[in-house]
Each structure stands twice: as structure tokens, then as C-alpha cells.
Amino acid sequence: MIKRILLATDFSRWAQRAEDYACAFACSWKASLTVLSVAEFPPELNPDYLVNQQYLADLLKRASSRLVDLKHRAERRGLAVTTRMATGIPSEEVITAARAEDSDLIIVGTRGKTGLAHILLGSTAERVIRGAPCPVLSVRTEQADIEHEGVLARPVTLERILVPVDFSDCSLDALEHAIVVAQQAKASLMLLHVLEPVSYGLDFTLDESHRSESSTWTKRLEELISSYQYTHVPMEFRLRGGLPSDSILDCAQTLSCNLIVMGTHGRRGISHTISGSVAESVLRKSHCPVIAVRSPKSRSDHRRVIPTEQSRVTDT
């Protein structure tokens, strides 16, 4: 069960929708909510300099005042909130706090930058995902949402969750986490398997030579859903062709999904630069929130219905 939620916020307009999700989930799931604010203070700044001391003091004063305001807003929703402040690099402090709090879910807001701005500035959300000890929910806010305040006040709904599945260990971990979320939210799951263009014509339609491959994946998805019947979570599946990130985004929109839950390898360095990450591509472009599962949290006695490749090797 998801019982401990950590909301990381900088109190910007981009973070307001993430606050809505954190409060809504904490309320409906009866989970504890900790709110973290990080005063960004790069390590190259000398804390002994008077001007830097004043700069940090001003940051902490503003953050403290905003945390009090947020706590009052949460109390009006019937929530008791714990607040924390830290100084340093935001992504590193969020990861540290999540470990200290033993969080089950981290929630962050994001602008969803793309292109050169993203390459130069990176994304705190993505850095948190690559190092977090638990799944991370990223809530993207568009410029249009900022300009029309009524959008930020929309109720948080969670009825249909999209789960991309390629039968890798990380995608099966994401499925198990999605089941937990669906159980707590009383939502249904839509499993999606994407056959990449190598198996398709230019229009991404199946030709006769690949229909048997489609049948094979259909059978595997049916068996996967059958193995989780005991959870009583309604599940369906779709089989689509195309580039994974594009197919995931299109499916989420056309099927009116409220949330995407997907696995990520959390690659770093040159490996990440060359191969990229489908999860991060979806994160930057998705209009609905995305939970990235790199390090699933499970009880010590938990045994997954569909074992990982590693456990299958160990068992044999």
C-alpha cells in the first residue's frame, strides 16, 4: 500500500497541480504527506561569505512562509502535513528526504521542457527519477494552465491507468505498482504493448508475415491479465504499432487515461545520452501525470506473480 507520500515543491505555478495530486491522494488513500522545499544553494557558493549567507537566509525565510501557507491549505482539506526544508541541489535533497522518510511515492511538478532548453537545463524530475528509492509521480503543467487558473482547480480524477508492457523486468515492476495504485484509487488498467516499426510497413499496419507475431503477443497479454485476476482490478489490453513513446502518448489521449505508469531503467551517463529513455520522452510530452517506476517498493515477503528474468535464472 502507498502510505507515505513526499511532495517536493518550489511553490511555483508549475508546482500547484502537483500539490493538488499530493493532497487528493493523501486524503483518499489515508496516507501521510510530507512536503519538502529545497533552497537551491550550489556547492560552489561559499557559505562563509556574508552575501551568500544573506542570500540563503532570504531563501529559507520565503520557503518557510510558503510552507506555512501550504500547510494551512492542506488543513482546510482535512490533512495533517509534515513539512521539511533543506538546502543544496534540489534533486539530491529530494532523494535524501525520500530515503529518510521511507516514502512510497514522490510527487513533483514539471514544465515538460523539450529540445535545447531541456538539454541545457535538464529536469529536476528526471534526475529524481534516476536516483529515487521509490516510484516518482511527475505532474506536468502547461503554459495554458498557468494562464487559465480554472484549469489548476480541476478535481483530481483517476479512473483509467495506462501501463506500457514489453515484458521486461522494469515494465513488470511498473505493472505491479500500477495494480497497487488502481486498488487504492478503484481504477481500471489498460495494458499496452507496442510492436516497433521493424515489424511493420510504413503505415504501421500489420502485414500477413507478422500476424503470427501479433497473435503471440496477444496470447501473452491475455495470460498476463489472467495471472492477476486475484487482484480484482479490471484490466484490458491493446496491441499497437509504432515508436514506443508516440504510441504510448497517443493511446493515453485517445483512451482518455488519467495516468501513465511505466518502468524506467534509470540509465546514467553516456548510455543514457545515446539510447535516451522512453519514460523520459513520455514524461516531457504527456498531458496526463506519469509515474516512473525504477525502484519499486515491496514487502520483504513479496513474490511477483510473473518472476523477473534474474529470479528465473536463480530458481533454475
Protein backbone atom coordinates (compact mmCIF):
# COMPACT_ATOMS: atom_id res chain seq x y z
CA MET A 1 0.00 0.00 0.00
CA ILE A 2 1.07 3.58 -0.65
CA LYS A 3 1.02 5.09 2.84
CA ARG A 4 3.82 7.68 2.81
CA ILE A 5 3.83 10.43 0.16
CA LEU A 6 6.57 13.02 -0.31
CA LEU A 7 5.68 16.19 -2.22
CA ALA A 8 8.68 18.19 -3.45
CA THR A 9 7.71 21.74 -4.35
CA ASP A 10 9.31 25.06 -5.22
CA PHE A 11 5.92 26.85 -4.81
CA SER A 12 5.96 27.97 -8.43
CA ARG A 13 2.81 28.00 -10.55
CA TRP A 14 4.22 24.86 -12.19
CA ALA A 15 4.07 23.06 -8.85
CA GLN A 16 0.47 23.88 -7.92
CA ARG A 17 -1.09 20.99 -9.81
CA ALA A 18 1.35 18.55 -8.17
CA GLU A 19 0.16 19.87 -4.80
CA ASP A 20 -3.44 19.10 -5.85
CA TYR A 21 -2.48 15.50 -6.63
CA ALA A 22 -0.50 15.06 -3.43
CA CYS A 23 -3.35 16.32 -1.26
CA ALA A 24 -6.02 14.38 -3.16
CA PHE A 25 -4.10 11.10 -2.95
CA ALA A 26 -3.16 11.58 0.71
CA CYS A 27 -6.79 12.28 1.56
CA SER A 28 -8.41 9.44 -0.40
CA TRP A 29 -5.68 6.87 0.37
CA LYS A 30 -5.36 7.90 4.05
CA ALA A 31 -1.62 8.33 3.51
CA SER A 32 0.75 10.60 5.39
CA LEU A 33 2.01 13.61 3.45
CA THR A 34 5.39 15.26 3.87
CA VAL A 35 6.12 18.46 1.94
CA LEU A 36 9.73 19.30 1.12
CA SER A 37 11.07 22.64 -0.01
CA VAL A 38 14.71 22.91 -1.10
CA ALA A 39 16.55 26.23 -1.04
CA GLU A 40 18.82 25.77 -4.03
CA PHE A 41 22.35 26.52 -2.88
CA PRO A 42 25.02 25.19 -5.25
CA PRO A 43 28.09 23.68 -3.55
CA GLU A 44 30.42 26.10 -5.34
CA LEU A 45 28.94 29.01 -3.33
CA ASN A 46 30.99 29.67 -0.22
CA PRO A 47 28.59 29.72 2.77
CA ASP A 48 31.10 31.79 4.78
CA TYR A 49 30.66 34.84 2.52
CA LEU A 50 28.29 37.37 4.04
CA VAL A 51 26.42 37.95 0.78
CA ASN A 52 25.85 34.20 0.36
CA GLN A 53 24.66 33.92 3.95
CA GLN A 54 22.12 36.67 3.33
CA TYR A 55 21.03 35.04 0.06
CA LEU A 56 20.45 31.70 1.80
CA ALA A 57 18.66 33.32 4.74
CA ASP A 58 16.25 35.06 2.35
CA LEU A 59 15.57 31.78 0.51
CA LEU A 60 14.84 29.96 3.75
CA LYS A 61 12.60 32.76 5.05
CA ARG A 62 10.48 32.74 1.88
CA ALA A 63 10.31 28.94 1.84
CA SER A 64 9.27 28.82 5.49
CA SER A 65 6.44 31.29 4.89
CA ARG A 66 5.20 29.37 1.86
CA LEU A 67 5.33 26.06 3.74
CA VAL A 68 3.07 27.59 6.41
CA ASP A 69 0.62 28.69 3.70
CA LEU A 70 0.66 25.24 2.11
CA LYS A 71 0.10 23.59 5.48
CA HIS A 72 -2.97 25.78 6.03
CA ARG A 73 -4.32 24.86 2.59
CA ALA A 74 -3.85 21.18 3.37
CA GLU A 75 -5.55 21.55 6.76
CA ARG A 76 -8.60 23.02 5.01
CA ARG A 77 -8.72 19.75 3.07
CA GLY A 78 -8.64 17.81 6.32
CA LEU A 79 -4.97 16.81 6.07
CA ALA A 80 -2.21 16.93 8.65
CA VAL A 81 1.02 17.72 6.82
CA THR A 82 4.64 17.39 7.90
CA THR A 83 6.99 19.99 6.40
CA ARG A 84 10.73 19.85 5.77
CA MET A 85 13.28 22.34 4.49
CA ALA A 86 16.70 21.61 3.03
CA THR A 87 19.49 23.47 1.25
CA GLY A 88 21.56 22.19 -1.64
CA ILE A 89 20.85 20.67 -5.04
CA PRO A 90 17.06 20.01 -5.29
CA SER A 91 17.19 16.56 -6.90
CA GLU A 92 19.77 15.28 -4.41
CA GLU A 93 17.87 16.66 -1.42
CA VAL A 94 14.58 15.13 -2.63
CA ILE A 95 16.22 11.70 -2.93
CA THR A 96 17.79 12.07 0.53
CA ALA A 97 14.45 13.07 2.07
CA ALA A 98 12.64 10.17 0.38
CA ARG A 99 15.09 7.73 1.94
CA ALA A 100 14.81 9.37 5.35
CA GLU A 101 11.00 9.34 5.21
CA ASP A 102 10.87 5.83 3.74
CA SER A 103 8.49 7.29 1.14
CA ASP A 104 6.29 5.07 -1.01
CA LEU A 105 5.73 7.77 -3.65
CA ILE A 106 7.42 11.05 -4.57
CA ILE A 107 5.32 13.70 -6.31
CA VAL A 108 6.93 16.54 -8.28
CA GLY A 109 5.72 19.16 -10.73
CA THR A 110 7.35 19.67 -14.12
CA ARG A 111 7.12 22.01 -17.09
CA GLY A 112 7.96 19.23 -19.52
CA LYS A 113 10.73 21.09 -21.33
CA THR A 114 11.84 19.71 -24.68
CA GLY A 115 14.56 20.46 -27.19
CA LEU A 116 17.59 22.65 -26.46
CA ALA A 117 16.14 24.09 -23.24
CA HIS A 118 15.83 20.58 -21.82
CA ILE A 119 19.34 19.57 -22.92
CA LEU A 120 20.91 22.66 -21.34
CA LEU A 121 18.83 22.83 -18.16
CA GLY A 122 17.90 19.21 -17.61
CA SER A 123 14.96 18.36 -15.41
CA THR A 124 14.86 18.01 -11.64
CA ALA A 125 12.06 15.45 -12.06
CA GLU A 126 14.18 13.28 -14.34
CA ARG A 127 17.19 13.45 -12.03
CA VAL A 128 14.97 12.45 -9.12
CA ILE A 129 13.58 9.51 -11.12
CA ARG A 130 17.08 8.23 -11.89
CA GLY A 131 18.05 8.12 -8.21
CA ALA A 132 14.83 7.80 -6.22
CA PRO A 133 14.32 4.86 -3.84
CA CYS A 134 10.62 4.66 -4.78
CA PRO A 135 8.31 5.46 -7.74
CA VAL A 136 8.01 9.11 -8.80
CA LEU A 137 4.81 10.82 -9.97
CA SER A 138 5.51 13.74 -12.31
CA VAL A 139 2.64 16.18 -12.85
CA ARG A 140 3.17 18.37 -15.89
CA THR A 141 1.66 21.83 -16.10
CA GLU A 142 1.31 23.63 -19.43
CA GLN A 143 1.69 27.36 -20.01
CA ALA A 144 -2.00 27.42 -20.93
CA ASP A 145 -2.81 26.03 -17.48
CA ILE A 146 -0.88 28.88 -15.90
CA GLU A 147 -2.76 31.46 -17.96
CA HIS A 148 -6.17 30.00 -17.12
CA GLU A 149 -6.31 29.49 -13.37
CA GLY A 150 -9.53 27.47 -13.59
CA VAL A 151 -7.56 24.59 -15.10
CA LEU A 152 -5.44 24.33 -11.96
CA ALA A 153 -8.60 23.99 -9.87
CA ARG A 154 -9.88 20.92 -11.75
CA PRO A 155 -10.65 17.95 -9.48
CA VAL A 156 -8.14 15.11 -9.48
CA THR A 157 -9.67 12.03 -11.11
CA LEU A 158 -8.13 8.59 -11.51
CA GLU A 159 -10.34 6.17 -13.42
CA ARG A 160 -8.18 4.58 -16.12
CA ILE A 161 -4.43 3.95 -15.87
CA LEU A 162 -2.26 3.17 -18.88
CA VAL A 163 0.58 0.68 -18.32
CA PRO A 164 3.04 0.09 -21.21
CA VAL A 165 4.27 -3.52 -21.02
CA ASP A 166 7.14 -5.03 -23.02
CA PHE A 167 7.61 -7.93 -20.54
CA SER A 168 10.96 -6.57 -19.37
CA ASP A 169 11.61 -6.70 -15.64
CA CYS A 170 11.13 -2.95 -15.23
CA SER A 171 7.80 -2.94 -17.09
CA LEU A 172 6.50 -5.81 -14.94
CA ASP A 173 7.61 -3.92 -11.82
CA ALA A 174 5.62 -0.95 -13.12
CA LEU A 175 2.57 -3.16 -13.66
CA GLU A 176 2.68 -4.37 -10.06
CA HIS A 177 2.92 -0.78 -8.83
CA ALA A 178 0.05 0.23 -11.13
CA ILE A 179 -2.08 -2.52 -9.60
CA VAL A 180 -1.45 -1.08 -6.13
CA VAL A 181 -2.42 2.40 -7.33
CA ALA A 182 -5.52 1.04 -9.10
CA GLN A 183 -6.62 -0.84 -5.98
CA GLN A 184 -6.32 2.26 -3.81
CA ALA A 185 -7.98 4.51 -6.40
CA LYS A 186 -10.57 1.93 -7.54
CA ALA A 187 -9.39 2.48 -11.11
CA SER A 188 -9.02 0.16 -14.12
CA LEU A 189 -5.83 -0.69 -16.02
CA MET A 190 -5.17 -0.56 -19.74
CA LEU A 191 -2.08 -2.56 -20.69
CA LEU A 192 -0.31 -1.51 -23.89
CA HIS A 193 2.26 -3.46 -25.85
CA VAL A 194 3.96 -1.65 -28.74
CA LEU A 195 5.35 -3.53 -31.72
CA GLU A 196 8.07 -1.28 -33.07
CA PRO A 197 8.28 -0.29 -36.78
CA VAL A 198 10.76 -3.05 -37.61
CA SER A 199 7.73 -5.36 -37.64
CA TYR A 200 5.55 -3.07 -39.72
CA GLY A 201 5.00 -1.44 -43.07
CA LEU A 202 5.48 2.28 -43.46
CA ASP A 203 1.90 2.89 -42.32
CA PHE A 204 2.46 0.81 -39.14
CA THR A 205 -0.15 -1.78 -40.19
CA LEU A 206 0.49 -5.50 -39.85
CA ASP A 207 1.19 -7.47 -42.99
CA GLU A 208 0.48 -11.20 -43.27
CA SER A 209 4.00 -12.25 -42.32
CA HIS A 210 3.69 -10.55 -38.95
CA ARG A 211 0.17 -11.55 -37.94
CA SER A 212 1.55 -14.60 -36.14
CA GLU A 213 3.75 -12.28 -34.07
CA SER A 214 0.66 -10.28 -33.16
CA SER A 215 -1.12 -13.46 -32.10
CA THR A 216 1.83 -14.43 -29.90
CA TRP A 217 1.83 -11.11 -28.05
CA THR A 218 -1.95 -11.18 -27.73
CA LYS A 219 -1.73 -14.56 -26.03
CA ARG A 220 1.00 -13.37 -23.66
CA LEU A 221 -1.04 -10.31 -22.67
CA GLU A 222 -4.12 -12.44 -22.08
CA GLU A 223 -2.10 -14.76 -19.85
CA LEU A 224 -0.59 -11.79 -18.01
CA ILE A 225 -4.02 -10.34 -17.23
CA SER A 226 -5.31 -13.77 -16.20
CA SER A 227 -2.45 -14.17 -13.70
CA TYR A 228 -3.59 -11.02 -11.87
CA GLN A 229 -7.30 -11.84 -11.67
CA TYR A 230 -6.98 -12.32 -7.93
CA THR A 231 -6.33 -8.57 -7.50
CA HIS A 232 -9.89 -7.80 -8.72
CA VAL A 233 -8.54 -4.84 -10.72
CA PRO A 234 -10.35 -4.51 -14.08
CA MET A 235 -7.77 -4.93 -16.88
CA GLU A 236 -7.80 -4.71 -20.66
CA PHE A 237 -5.01 -4.58 -23.21
CA ARG A 238 -4.18 -3.02 -26.54
CA LEU A 239 -1.59 -4.05 -29.13
CA ARG A 240 -0.29 -1.22 -31.29
CA GLY A 241 2.47 -0.49 -33.75
CA GLY A 242 4.79 2.49 -33.97
CA LEU A 243 7.52 4.18 -31.98
CA PRO A 244 7.02 3.35 -28.29
CA SER A 245 6.81 6.89 -26.90
CA ASP A 246 4.50 8.10 -29.68
CA SER A 247 2.20 5.09 -29.33
CA ILE A 248 2.04 5.47 -25.55
CA LEU A 249 1.18 9.16 -25.75
CA ASP A 250 -1.44 8.62 -28.47
CA CYS A 251 -3.03 5.73 -26.60
CA ALA A 252 -3.22 7.73 -23.37
CA GLN A 253 -5.00 10.54 -25.18
CA THR A 254 -7.39 8.53 -27.36
CA LEU A 255 -8.43 6.24 -24.49
CA SER A 256 -8.82 9.13 -22.01
CA CYS A 257 -6.34 7.74 -19.50
CA ASN A 258 -5.82 9.79 -16.34
CA LEU A 259 -2.38 8.40 -15.51
CA ILE A 260 0.53 6.55 -17.12
CA VAL A 261 2.59 4.12 -15.01
CA MET A 262 5.75 2.86 -16.68
CA GLY A 263 9.10 1.35 -15.85
CA THR A 264 12.44 3.01 -16.43
CA HIS A 265 15.97 1.63 -16.31
CA GLY A 266 17.28 4.85 -14.77
CA ARG A 267 20.35 4.89 -17.02
CA ARG A 268 23.03 7.50 -16.43
CA GLY A 269 25.93 9.00 -18.33
CA ILE A 270 26.82 8.14 -21.92
CA SER A 271 24.48 5.16 -22.03
CA HIS A 272 21.55 7.44 -21.27
CA THR A 273 22.69 10.12 -23.72
CA ILE A 274 22.94 7.69 -26.64
CA SER A 275 19.89 5.49 -26.05
CA GLY A 276 17.64 8.01 -24.33
CA SER A 277 14.69 6.83 -22.32
CA VAL A 278 11.16 6.14 -23.49
CA ALA A 279 9.93 7.00 -20.00
CA GLU A 280 11.59 10.42 -20.06
CA SER A 281 10.30 11.13 -23.58
CA VAL A 282 6.78 10.36 -22.37
CA LEU A 283 7.36 12.44 -19.24
CA ARG A 284 8.26 15.53 -21.27
CA LYS A 285 5.26 15.32 -23.60
CA SER A 286 2.43 13.62 -21.71
CA HIS A 287 -0.63 15.71 -20.90
CA CYS A 288 -1.56 13.38 -18.04
CA PRO A 289 0.62 12.61 -15.00
CA VAL A 290 3.27 9.89 -15.26
CA ILE A 291 4.53 7.56 -12.54
CA ALA A 292 8.03 6.34 -13.36
CA VAL A 293 8.97 3.10 -11.58
CA ARG A 294 12.71 2.49 -11.32
CA SER A 295 12.87 1.15 -7.76
CA PRO A 296 9.58 -0.50 -6.80
CA LYS A 297 8.86 -0.77 -3.07
CA SER A 298 7.69 -4.20 -1.94
CA ARG A 299 7.37 -6.06 1.33
CA SER A 300 10.27 -8.39 2.12
CA ASP A 301 7.98 -11.40 1.68
CA HIS A 302 6.56 -10.18 -1.65
CA ARG A 303 6.90 -12.51 -4.62
CA ARG A 304 5.87 -11.24 -8.01
CA VAL A 305 3.33 -13.30 -9.95
CA ILE A 306 5.42 -13.00 -13.12
CA PRO A 307 9.03 -13.53 -11.90
CA THR A 308 11.89 -11.34 -13.10
CA GLU A 309 14.49 -12.66 -15.50
CA GLN A 310 17.02 -12.60 -12.64
CA SER A 311 14.80 -14.64 -10.30
CA ARG A 312 14.08 -17.15 -13.06
CA VAL A 313 17.83 -17.68 -13.51
CA THR A 314 18.31 -18.00 -9.73
CA ASP A 315 15.48 -20.52 -9.40
CA THR A 316 16.98 -22.74 -12.09
